[in-house]
Amino acid sequence: MKPKKIMKYTVLICLTLVIVTMPFLSGCASGDKEETLKVGLSICYTGVAASKGSPMGNAKLDCLKYINEELDGVNGYQIEVLWRDNNYDAGTATNIINEIINAGCLMFTTNSSAMMTASAEIANRESFPGFAVFSAPALTNPPQHIYAQMPDYGDDWAAFAEYYLENIWEGEGSPRMAMHLLNNSTGAGAKAAAEILADDMGIDIVAWEEHDSSTTSEIDSITRIMAQDPDILYISSTPQPTSIIVQDAVDKGLYPGITIACGHASFTSVLVELAGDDAEGIYGVYPTVNWGDDVPAMDKMTEYCLEYHPEDYGNMDYITSWAEGLLIAEILRLAVEEVGIENMTPQAVEEYGFKALDNFDVGGLHGPVSYSDGDNRLAKAVRVFQVQSGVIVPLTGWVDAPLIPYVFD
């Protein structure tokens, strides 16, 4: 090849390399922030709890999209999301938490207490912080590295029991309560609170029944409960099995005639859809506001829900996880401002993020969020609701759930 041709091809090759590499080099310009804040999300998009996990997964991803794209992330750093579907399966959740830790995430979340229970032993051993949107007392007692976004299932029971005694019970002596509990941490949390508090509150627990998440009939358990002549049936479960219990209670003639109340894991619009008219009059405890309430975060959350997941509009589980996204961003913001992006570790996020939370307002979607030494519940307020004319209607303002003195081995 002649020298002039060699020079010509050399110039072309050099120009090509410059053009090809320019997009990558441009990201290295002074002042640009290439680092990201990586978080892991374990979501039950499929499986028996998908009716809850799907709107919750949609909401947290929608909220983090909003934070990254409209708010330019956290202090200019994008939140990088590693999410996995745990199928509401403990073994899968265990694999996911290992993957999240090994991928260099700074923190993690789960939708449910059951999936956090499957993840907690590994996370606690590795000093890896995370929070469950819906939690159970055993996850935060004794307090280690797992936190509860909102009051747990034990708090639900205590708050409703007090409301019932003050506003519904009109009989003499102690009301007789039957408990129908999902056979995992969702039911165990309510049971733990009832075992500690019922006697002192003056409530007589006359029946303990368990069910699993795939139950198709609870006629036998309802028959046993009827034999105990209860005044109230308290259910701590998820929407699908709760709807079966309620419908069987109606079919057997137990309800109407007694009070039925639910913990917050099942008390959403999905339950009303599944149970239909049989849900009329049922009480429930829930830790968020309702759709359409006049709170600061409502408009933006509604905008994203209607644009990206309109099927979730009206489901209060979406509200819980939009708030979750806001909380993730606040935890990361506090830690970044304290230690800088170059010093961000899971331990720094826990110490300077989680533990620095002080009366943080998630746009009014649920109670204020604060860390208190010895209490790994971050928000501590619930409200009592009732199904009226097919709509979940709030009956109370915020009710603070005091710390229950659990003792777990």
Protein backbone atom coordinates (compact mmCIF):
# COMPACT_ATOMS: atom_id res chain seq x y z
CA MET A 1 0.00 0.00 0.00
CA LYS A 2 1.28 3.47 -0.85
CA PRO A 3 2.20 5.90 1.99
CA LYS A 4 -0.63 8.33 1.10
CA LYS A 5 -3.21 5.51 1.26
CA ILE A 6 -1.82 4.34 4.61
CA MET A 7 -2.15 7.87 5.97
CA LYS A 8 -5.70 8.14 4.61
CA TYR A 9 -6.88 4.89 6.26
CA THR A 10 -5.09 5.78 9.51
CA VAL A 11 -6.96 9.09 9.68
CA LEU A 12 -10.28 7.37 8.93
CA ILE A 13 -9.70 4.77 11.62
CA CYS A 14 -8.79 7.43 14.18
CA LEU A 15 -11.84 9.51 13.33
CA THR A 16 -14.05 6.42 13.59
CA LEU A 17 -12.65 5.60 17.02
CA VAL A 18 -13.24 9.15 18.21
CA ILE A 19 -16.85 9.11 16.96
CA VAL A 20 -17.56 5.70 18.47
CA THR A 21 -16.06 6.56 21.84
CA MET A 22 -17.46 10.09 22.17
CA PRO A 23 -20.73 9.02 23.86
CA PHE A 24 -18.78 7.11 26.49
CA LEU A 25 -16.22 9.85 27.02
CA SER A 26 -18.92 12.49 27.32
CA GLY A 27 -20.17 10.77 30.46
CA CYS A 28 -16.82 11.40 32.11
CA ALA A 29 -17.01 15.15 31.80
CA SER A 30 -16.24 17.14 34.94
CA GLY A 31 -19.23 17.47 37.24
CA ASP A 32 -21.21 14.51 35.84
CA LYS A 33 -22.33 11.92 38.40
CA GLU A 34 -21.84 8.43 37.08
CA GLU A 35 -22.32 6.71 40.42
CA THR A 36 -25.72 5.28 41.24
CA LEU A 37 -27.45 4.33 44.46
CA LYS A 38 -28.33 0.67 44.03
CA VAL A 39 -31.27 -0.86 45.89
CA GLY A 40 -32.79 -4.33 45.80
CA LEU A 41 -36.54 -4.98 45.68
CA SER A 42 -37.99 -8.42 46.39
CA ILE A 43 -41.52 -8.34 44.98
CA CYS A 44 -44.26 -11.00 44.98
CA TYR A 45 -45.52 -10.26 41.47
CA THR A 46 -46.69 -13.84 41.02
CA GLY A 47 -47.88 -16.63 43.30
CA VAL A 48 -50.72 -16.77 45.79
CA ALA A 49 -50.13 -13.20 47.05
CA ALA A 50 -49.95 -11.60 43.61
CA SER A 51 -53.18 -9.67 44.20
CA LYS A 52 -51.23 -7.65 46.77
CA GLY A 53 -47.71 -7.92 45.40
CA SER A 54 -48.51 -6.75 41.87
CA PRO A 55 -49.96 -3.30 42.75
CA MET A 56 -47.24 -2.86 45.37
CA GLY A 57 -44.50 -3.69 42.88
CA ASN A 58 -46.04 -1.37 40.31
CA ALA A 59 -46.25 1.48 42.80
CA LYS A 60 -42.68 1.34 44.06
CA LEU A 61 -41.28 1.12 40.52
CA ASP A 62 -43.55 3.97 39.42
CA CYS A 63 -42.43 6.10 42.36
CA LEU A 64 -38.72 5.44 41.76
CA LYS A 65 -39.23 6.31 38.08
CA TYR A 66 -40.78 9.61 39.22
CA ILE A 67 -37.88 10.29 41.59
CA ASN A 68 -35.23 9.53 38.96
CA GLU A 69 -36.85 11.29 36.02
CA GLU A 70 -38.68 14.26 37.57
CA LEU A 71 -36.59 14.90 40.68
CA ASP A 72 -33.21 13.97 39.15
CA GLY A 73 -32.76 11.16 41.64
CA VAL A 74 -31.28 11.68 45.10
CA ASN A 75 -28.99 14.72 45.27
CA GLY A 76 -28.38 14.24 41.56
CA TYR A 77 -27.61 10.51 41.81
CA GLN A 78 -29.93 8.05 40.11
CA ILE A 79 -31.46 5.21 42.11
CA GLU A 80 -30.51 1.99 40.35
CA VAL A 81 -33.11 -0.72 40.92
CA LEU A 82 -32.46 -4.44 41.04
CA TRP A 83 -35.88 -6.10 41.39
CA ARG A 84 -36.81 -9.74 41.40
CA ASP A 85 -40.11 -11.66 41.60
CA ASN A 86 -40.08 -13.92 44.67
CA ASN A 87 -43.33 -15.71 43.72
CA TYR A 88 -44.29 -15.51 47.43
CA ASP A 89 -41.97 -18.47 47.92
CA ALA A 90 -39.54 -18.62 50.82
CA GLY A 91 -36.82 -20.48 48.93
CA THR A 92 -36.93 -18.00 46.06
CA ALA A 93 -36.83 -15.07 48.49
CA THR A 94 -33.71 -16.55 50.11
CA ASN A 95 -31.97 -16.76 46.74
CA ILE A 96 -32.99 -13.20 45.94
CA ILE A 97 -31.57 -11.67 49.12
CA ASN A 98 -28.25 -13.38 48.43
CA GLU A 99 -28.27 -11.99 44.89
CA ILE A 100 -29.14 -8.50 46.13
CA ILE A 101 -26.27 -8.50 48.63
CA ASN A 102 -23.77 -9.92 46.13
CA ALA A 103 -24.80 -7.34 43.53
CA GLY A 104 -23.59 -4.50 45.75
CA CYS A 105 -26.96 -3.05 46.72
CA LEU A 106 -27.08 -0.63 49.64
CA MET A 107 -30.43 -1.77 51.08
CA PHE A 108 -33.48 -3.83 50.19
CA THR A 109 -37.21 -4.09 50.71
CA THR A 110 -39.92 -6.74 50.60
CA ASN A 111 -43.69 -6.38 50.25
CA SER A 112 -44.62 -8.86 52.92
CA SER A 113 -43.66 -10.12 56.34
CA ALA A 114 -43.52 -13.69 55.00
CA MET A 115 -40.92 -12.83 52.37
CA MET A 116 -38.98 -10.72 54.85
CA THR A 117 -39.03 -13.63 57.29
CA ALA A 118 -37.38 -15.74 54.59
CA SER A 119 -34.78 -13.01 53.98
CA ALA A 120 -34.12 -11.71 57.48
CA GLU A 121 -31.70 -14.33 58.83
CA ILE A 122 -29.27 -13.73 55.97
CA ALA A 123 -29.72 -9.94 56.03
CA ASN A 124 -29.20 -9.75 59.79
CA ARG A 125 -26.12 -11.97 59.64
CA GLU A 126 -24.62 -9.74 56.94
CA SER A 127 -25.65 -6.48 58.70
CA PHE A 128 -27.60 -5.63 55.56
CA PRO A 129 -30.48 -3.19 56.19
CA GLY A 130 -33.95 -3.53 54.77
CA PHE A 131 -37.57 -2.90 55.53
CA ALA A 132 -40.83 -4.72 54.97
CA VAL A 133 -43.81 -2.67 53.83
CA PHE A 134 -46.08 -5.06 55.75
CA SER A 135 -44.30 -6.44 58.78
CA ALA A 136 -44.74 -8.73 61.76
CA PRO A 137 -43.48 -8.37 65.34
CA ALA A 138 -40.91 -11.16 65.09
CA LEU A 139 -39.05 -9.27 62.37
CA THR A 140 -38.29 -6.27 64.56
CA ASN A 141 -38.11 -7.89 68.00
CA PRO A 142 -35.38 -7.89 69.08
CA PRO A 143 -34.37 -5.00 66.81
CA GLN A 144 -31.55 -5.88 64.42
CA HIS A 145 -31.15 -4.78 60.79
CA ILE A 146 -34.74 -5.25 59.60
CA TYR A 147 -37.27 -2.43 59.89
CA ALA A 148 -41.03 -2.11 59.43
CA GLN A 149 -42.25 0.67 57.16
CA MET A 150 -45.56 0.85 59.00
CA PRO A 151 -47.27 -0.63 62.07
CA ASP A 152 -47.26 -4.42 62.05
CA TYR A 153 -50.01 -7.04 62.34
CA GLY A 154 -49.81 -7.02 66.12
CA ASP A 155 -50.35 -3.27 66.09
CA ASP A 156 -53.41 -3.81 63.89
CA TRP A 157 -54.95 -6.17 66.40
CA ALA A 158 -54.26 -3.88 69.36
CA ALA A 159 -55.64 -0.79 67.60
CA PHE A 160 -58.84 -2.50 66.50
CA ALA A 161 -59.39 -4.23 69.85
CA GLU A 162 -59.27 -0.86 71.58
CA TYR A 163 -61.62 0.68 69.00
CA TYR A 164 -64.03 -2.22 69.34
CA LEU A 165 -64.19 -1.95 73.13
CA GLU A 166 -64.75 1.80 73.03
CA ASN A 167 -67.11 2.11 70.06
CA ILE A 168 -68.83 -1.20 69.20
CA TRP A 169 -69.12 -3.51 72.21
CA GLU A 170 -72.37 -3.03 74.12
CA GLY A 171 -72.63 -6.32 75.97
CA GLU A 172 -71.85 -7.22 79.56
CA GLY A 173 -68.59 -8.75 80.69
CA SER A 174 -65.82 -9.56 78.23
CA PRO A 175 -66.46 -9.81 74.50
CA ARG A 176 -65.71 -13.23 73.00
CA MET A 177 -63.27 -13.10 70.10
CA ALA A 178 -62.38 -15.79 67.56
CA MET A 179 -59.12 -15.45 65.65
CA HIS A 180 -58.70 -16.76 62.09
CA LEU A 181 -55.04 -16.53 61.11
CA LEU A 182 -52.96 -17.14 58.01
CA ASN A 183 -50.39 -19.81 58.83
CA ASN A 184 -47.35 -17.56 58.46
CA SER A 185 -46.04 -14.34 59.99
CA THR A 186 -49.19 -12.45 58.93
CA GLY A 187 -51.27 -14.52 61.34
CA ALA A 188 -48.53 -15.02 63.91
CA GLY A 189 -48.12 -11.27 64.42
CA ALA A 190 -51.76 -10.78 65.38
CA LYS A 191 -51.66 -13.85 67.61
CA ALA A 192 -48.57 -12.62 69.45
CA ALA A 193 -50.25 -9.32 70.29
CA ALA A 194 -53.51 -10.96 71.36
CA GLU A 195 -51.69 -13.39 73.63
CA ILE A 196 -49.95 -10.51 75.40
CA LEU A 197 -52.78 -7.96 75.57
CA ALA A 198 -56.18 -9.68 75.47
CA ASP A 199 -56.53 -10.54 79.17
CA ASP A 200 -55.52 -7.07 80.34
CA MET A 201 -57.86 -5.44 77.83
CA GLY A 202 -60.76 -7.63 78.93
CA ILE A 203 -61.16 -9.70 75.74
CA ASP A 204 -61.82 -13.44 75.89
CA ILE A 205 -60.16 -15.32 73.02
CA VAL A 206 -62.42 -18.33 72.48
CA ALA A 207 -61.02 -19.82 69.26
CA TRP A 208 -57.75 -19.96 67.34
CA GLU A 209 -58.10 -21.14 63.75
CA GLU A 210 -55.47 -21.27 61.01
CA HIS A 211 -55.72 -21.39 57.24
CA ASP A 212 -53.27 -21.37 54.36
CA SER A 213 -53.01 -18.91 51.50
CA SER A 214 -54.55 -21.30 48.95
CA THR A 215 -57.60 -22.33 50.97
CA THR A 216 -60.81 -22.86 49.01
CA SER A 217 -63.17 -23.62 51.90
CA GLU A 218 -63.28 -22.73 55.59
CA ILE A 219 -66.70 -24.21 56.33
CA ASP A 220 -65.26 -26.59 58.93
CA SER A 221 -63.39 -23.87 60.79
CA ILE A 222 -66.38 -21.53 60.70
CA THR A 223 -68.51 -24.36 62.12
CA ARG A 224 -66.06 -24.75 65.01
CA ILE A 225 -66.06 -21.01 65.61
CA MET A 226 -69.86 -20.86 65.67
CA ALA A 227 -69.87 -23.46 68.44
CA GLN A 228 -67.94 -20.97 70.60
CA ASP A 229 -70.60 -18.26 70.21
CA PRO A 230 -68.21 -15.37 69.47
CA ASP A 231 -69.05 -11.69 69.41
CA ILE A 232 -66.28 -10.87 66.99
CA LEU A 233 -64.21 -12.68 64.36
CA TYR A 234 -60.79 -11.16 63.75
CA ILE A 235 -58.96 -12.20 60.55
CA SER A 236 -55.28 -11.59 59.88
CA SER A 237 -54.59 -12.80 56.35
CA THR A 238 -54.45 -11.71 52.70
CA PRO A 239 -57.40 -10.83 50.42
CA GLN A 240 -58.11 -14.19 48.75
CA PRO A 241 -58.36 -16.41 51.85
CA THR A 242 -60.10 -13.64 53.80
CA SER A 243 -62.81 -13.50 51.13
CA ILE A 244 -63.32 -17.27 51.50
CA ILE A 245 -63.64 -16.97 55.29
CA VAL A 246 -66.12 -14.09 54.99
CA GLN A 247 -68.25 -15.83 52.36
CA ASP A 248 -68.33 -19.04 54.39
CA ALA A 249 -69.30 -17.06 57.50
CA VAL A 250 -72.23 -15.62 55.54
CA ASP A 251 -73.21 -19.00 54.12
CA LYS A 252 -73.23 -20.57 57.58
CA GLY A 253 -75.23 -17.69 59.11
CA LEU A 254 -72.45 -16.47 61.40
CA TYR A 255 -72.38 -13.08 59.66
CA PRO A 256 -74.16 -10.67 59.79
CA GLY A 257 -74.85 -11.04 63.48
CA ILE A 258 -71.34 -10.65 64.81
CA THR A 259 -68.55 -8.17 64.07
CA ILE A 260 -65.88 -9.15 61.54
CA ALA A 261 -62.62 -7.20 61.42
CA CYS A 262 -59.44 -7.60 59.37
CA GLY A 263 -55.81 -6.69 59.68
CA HIS A 264 -54.33 -4.50 57.00
CA ALA A 265 -52.81 -7.27 54.86
CA SER A 266 -56.25 -8.15 53.50
CA PHE A 267 -58.26 -4.98 53.93
CA THR A 268 -58.13 -3.45 50.44
CA SER A 269 -60.43 -3.00 47.47
CA VAL A 270 -59.40 -6.48 46.27
CA LEU A 271 -61.12 -8.03 49.28
CA VAL A 272 -64.30 -6.11 48.50
CA GLU A 273 -64.15 -7.24 44.87
CA LEU A 274 -63.62 -10.89 45.85
CA ALA A 275 -66.18 -11.04 48.66
CA GLY A 276 -68.78 -8.86 46.94
CA ASP A 277 -71.85 -7.97 48.98
CA ASP A 278 -70.70 -10.32 51.75
CA ALA A 279 -68.01 -7.77 52.68
CA GLU A 280 -70.59 -5.12 53.59
CA GLY A 281 -70.11 -3.84 57.14
CA ILE A 282 -66.74 -5.48 57.74
CA TYR A 283 -64.23 -3.43 59.71
CA GLY A 284 -60.52 -3.23 59.06
CA VAL A 285 -57.35 -1.50 60.10
CA TYR A 286 -55.12 0.13 57.52
CA PRO A 287 -52.04 2.33 57.91
CA THR A 288 -52.54 4.73 54.97
CA VAL A 289 -54.93 7.39 53.78
CA ASN A 290 -57.57 6.55 51.19
CA TRP A 291 -57.60 7.43 47.50
CA GLY A 292 -58.71 10.98 46.87
CA ASP A 293 -57.77 12.26 50.32
CA ASP A 294 -56.38 15.79 50.32
CA VAL A 295 -52.70 15.09 51.04
CA PRO A 296 -49.63 16.47 49.22
CA ALA A 297 -48.52 13.24 47.48
CA MET A 298 -51.96 12.28 46.18
CA ASP A 299 -51.93 14.16 42.86
CA LYS A 300 -48.55 12.92 41.63
CA MET A 301 -49.22 9.36 42.77
CA THR A 302 -52.61 9.39 41.05
CA GLU A 303 -51.06 10.79 37.87
CA TYR A 304 -48.53 7.97 37.64
CA CYS A 305 -51.02 5.28 38.62
CA LEU A 306 -53.52 6.32 35.96
CA GLU A 307 -50.82 6.66 33.29
CA TYR A 308 -48.91 3.43 33.91
CA HIS A 309 -51.14 1.10 35.95
CA PRO A 310 -54.77 2.30 35.86
CA GLU A 311 -55.91 -1.16 36.98
CA ASP A 312 -54.42 -0.38 40.42
CA TYR A 313 -56.35 2.83 40.98
CA GLY A 314 -58.42 2.55 44.17
CA ASN A 315 -56.22 -0.18 45.64
CA MET A 316 -54.68 1.02 48.89
CA ASP A 317 -51.75 -1.39 48.48
CA TYR A 318 -50.52 0.93 45.71
CA ILE A 319 -50.49 3.77 48.25
CA THR A 320 -48.31 1.81 50.68
CA SER A 321 -45.62 1.24 48.09
CA TRP A 322 -45.64 4.70 46.55
CA ALA A 323 -44.83 5.80 50.10
CA GLU A 324 -42.18 3.07 50.15
CA GLY A 325 -40.45 4.66 47.16
CA LEU A 326 -40.44 8.06 48.87
CA LEU A 327 -38.98 6.47 52.00
CA ILE A 328 -36.21 4.70 50.07
CA ALA A 329 -35.20 8.04 48.55
CA GLU A 330 -35.20 9.79 51.93
CA ILE A 331 -33.05 7.10 53.57
CA LEU A 332 -30.52 7.37 50.73
CA ARG A 333 -30.60 11.18 50.81
CA LEU A 334 -29.79 11.32 54.51
CA ALA A 335 -26.88 8.91 54.10
CA VAL A 336 -25.43 10.64 51.02
CA GLU A 337 -25.51 14.01 52.73
CA GLU A 338 -23.76 12.61 55.80
CA VAL A 339 -20.99 10.46 54.28
CA GLY A 340 -20.88 11.30 50.54
CA ILE A 341 -21.39 9.02 47.59
CA GLU A 342 -17.84 7.66 47.81
CA ASN A 343 -18.45 6.30 51.31
CA MET A 344 -21.85 4.75 50.77
CA THR A 345 -22.09 1.24 52.21
CA PRO A 346 -25.03 -0.74 53.60
CA GLN A 347 -23.75 0.03 57.10
CA ALA A 348 -23.59 3.76 56.36
CA VAL A 349 -27.11 3.65 54.92
CA GLU A 350 -28.39 2.03 58.10
CA GLU A 351 -26.54 4.31 60.52
CA TYR A 352 -26.99 7.62 58.72
CA GLY A 353 -30.13 6.86 56.73
CA PHE A 354 -32.51 4.55 58.58
CA LYS A 355 -31.48 5.69 62.04
CA ALA A 356 -31.52 9.37 61.11
CA LEU A 357 -35.20 9.36 60.10
CA ASP A 358 -36.96 12.02 62.14
CA ASN A 359 -40.61 12.84 61.51
CA PHE A 360 -40.28 12.37 57.74
CA ASP A 361 -43.55 13.04 55.92
CA VAL A 362 -44.28 10.67 53.03
CA GLY A 363 -46.53 13.24 51.43
CA GLY A 364 -49.24 12.55 53.97
CA LEU A 365 -49.83 9.03 52.64
CA HIS A 366 -49.31 7.47 56.05
CA GLY A 367 -48.12 8.52 59.47
CA PRO A 368 -44.82 10.35 59.97
CA VAL A 369 -41.67 8.22 59.83
CA SER A 370 -39.13 8.28 62.64
CA TYR A 371 -36.55 5.91 64.03
CA SER A 372 -36.62 5.40 67.80
CA ASP A 373 -33.91 3.53 69.63
CA GLY A 374 -35.16 0.02 70.36
CA ASP A 375 -38.20 0.36 68.06
CA ASN A 376 -37.61 -0.65 64.44
CA ARG A 377 -41.14 0.30 63.38
CA LEU A 378 -40.69 3.46 61.31
CA ALA A 379 -44.30 4.70 61.13
CA LYS A 380 -46.55 3.95 64.07
CA ALA A 381 -50.06 5.17 63.20
CA VAL A 382 -53.11 3.37 61.78
CA ARG A 383 -56.74 4.17 61.01
CA VAL A 384 -59.93 2.13 61.37
CA PHE A 385 -62.11 1.68 58.27
CA GLN A 386 -65.40 -0.02 57.38
CA VAL A 387 -66.93 -1.29 54.15
CA GLN A 388 -70.01 0.84 53.54
CA SER A 389 -72.07 0.47 50.34
CA GLY A 390 -69.17 -1.39 48.78
CA VAL A 391 -66.62 1.32 49.57
CA ILE A 392 -63.89 1.32 52.22
CA VAL A 393 -64.63 4.35 54.40
CA PRO A 394 -62.38 5.75 57.19
CA LEU A 395 -63.96 5.89 60.64
CA THR A 396 -61.09 7.38 62.64
CA GLY A 397 -58.10 9.67 62.34
CA TRP A 398 -54.60 8.44 63.03
CA VAL A 399 -54.26 6.16 66.04
CA ASP A 400 -50.75 5.64 67.38
CA ALA A 401 -49.83 2.03 68.06
CA PRO A 402 -47.68 1.82 71.21
CA LEU A 403 -44.69 -0.52 71.36
CA ILE A 404 -45.87 -3.95 72.56
CA PRO A 405 -43.44 -5.75 74.90
CA TYR A 406 -42.84 -8.87 72.81
CA VAL A 407 -40.40 -11.54 73.89
CA PHE A 408 -39.17 -13.86 71.14
CA ASP A 409 -36.56 -16.57 71.42
